[in-house]
C-alpha cells in the first residue's frame, strides 16, 4: 500500500485553499477525511482526490434550476 500523507499546508496547496478553510471544515464536520497523528493533522492524497471527485458538479444549483424551469415551463 502506497500511503502519501500531506501536512495541512500541503493539502491546502493541492486544493488551492487556505489552511484556515480546512480547519473550519474539520471543526464543522466537513471537508476531506483527515488523520490525527501525534497531535497534528495530516491528509492522505487519495482522500483529497476522493473529496474533489465527490464534490464535482456539472453546473451550479442556480443554473440547474433555470434549465429545469426552461424545460418544464415552471
Protein backbone atom coordinates (compact mmCIF):
# COMPACT_ATOMS: atom_id res chain seq x y z
CA UNK A 1 0.00 0.00 0.00
CA UNK A 2 1.43 3.35 -1.07
CA UNK A 3 0.28 5.88 1.51
CA UNK A 4 1.17 9.51 0.79
CA UNK A 5 0.48 11.76 3.77
CA UNK A 6 0.35 15.53 3.37
CA UNK A 7 0.53 18.22 6.01
CA UNK A 8 -2.38 20.62 6.36
CA UNK A 9 -0.43 23.25 4.41
CA UNK A 10 0.41 20.82 1.62
CA UNK A 11 -3.21 19.66 1.41
CA UNK A 12 -4.37 23.28 1.25
CA UNK A 13 -1.96 23.90 -1.63
CA UNK A 14 -3.23 20.85 -3.52
CA UNK A 15 -6.84 22.03 -3.12
CA UNK A 16 -5.89 25.70 -3.65
CA UNK A 17 -7.47 26.67 -0.35
CA UNK A 18 -6.16 28.24 2.82
CA UNK A 19 -5.24 26.04 5.78
CA UNK A 20 -7.87 28.03 7.72
CA UNK A 21 -10.57 26.75 5.34
CA UNK A 22 -9.53 23.16 6.01
CA UNK A 23 -9.55 23.84 9.76
CA UNK A 24 -13.05 25.33 9.52
CA UNK A 25 -14.31 22.34 7.56
CA UNK A 26 -12.81 19.95 10.13
CA UNK A 27 -14.48 21.78 13.02
CA UNK A 28 -17.84 21.65 11.22
CA UNK A 29 -17.52 18.00 10.24
CA UNK A 30 -16.95 18.60 6.54
CA UNK A 31 -14.13 18.64 4.04
CA UNK A 32 -11.80 15.82 3.11
CA UNK A 33 -11.11 12.97 5.52
CA UNK A 34 -8.10 13.62 7.74
CA UNK A 35 -5.94 11.72 10.21
CA UNK A 36 -4.73 12.94 13.58
CA UNK A 37 -1.18 11.75 14.20
CA UNK A 38 0.79 12.77 17.25
CA UNK A 39 -1.20 15.96 17.78
CA UNK A 40 -1.05 17.09 14.17
CA UNK A 41 -3.41 16.79 11.25
CA UNK A 42 -2.43 15.06 8.02
CA UNK A 43 -4.33 14.18 4.88
CA UNK A 44 -3.97 11.20 2.58
CA UNK A 45 -3.55 12.37 -1.02
CA UNK A 46 -6.14 9.75 -2.05
CA UNK A 47 -8.67 11.34 0.37
CA UNK A 48 -8.17 14.72 -1.32
CA UNK A 49 -8.79 13.18 -4.75
CA UNK A 50 -11.92 11.43 -3.45
CA UNK A 51 -13.18 14.69 -1.90
CA UNK A 52 -12.78 16.57 -5.19
CA UNK A 53 -14.49 13.80 -7.17
CA UNK A 54 -17.35 13.62 -4.66
CA UNK A 55 -17.91 17.39 -4.96
CA UNK A 56 -17.67 17.65 -8.75
CA UNK A 57 -20.63 19.47 -10.29
CA UNK A 58 -21.67 19.93 -13.91
CA UNK A 59 -23.39 23.22 -13.09
CA UNK A 60 -24.41 25.39 -10.17
CA UNK A 61 -27.76 24.89 -8.44
CA UNK A 62 -28.98 28.17 -9.93
CA UNK A 63 -28.10 27.09 -13.46
CA UNK A 64 -29.76 23.71 -12.90
CA UNK A 65 -32.92 25.44 -11.66
CA UNK A 66 -33.01 27.74 -14.70
CA UNK A 67 -32.57 24.74 -17.00
CA UNK A 68 -35.33 22.86 -15.17
CA UNK A 69 -37.66 25.86 -15.45
CA UNK A 70 -36.91 26.23 -19.17
CA UNK A 71 -37.67 22.56 -19.80
CA UNK A 72 -40.80 22.34 -17.65
CA UNK A 73 -42.14 25.85 -18.22
CA UNK A 74 -42.39 26.42 -14.46
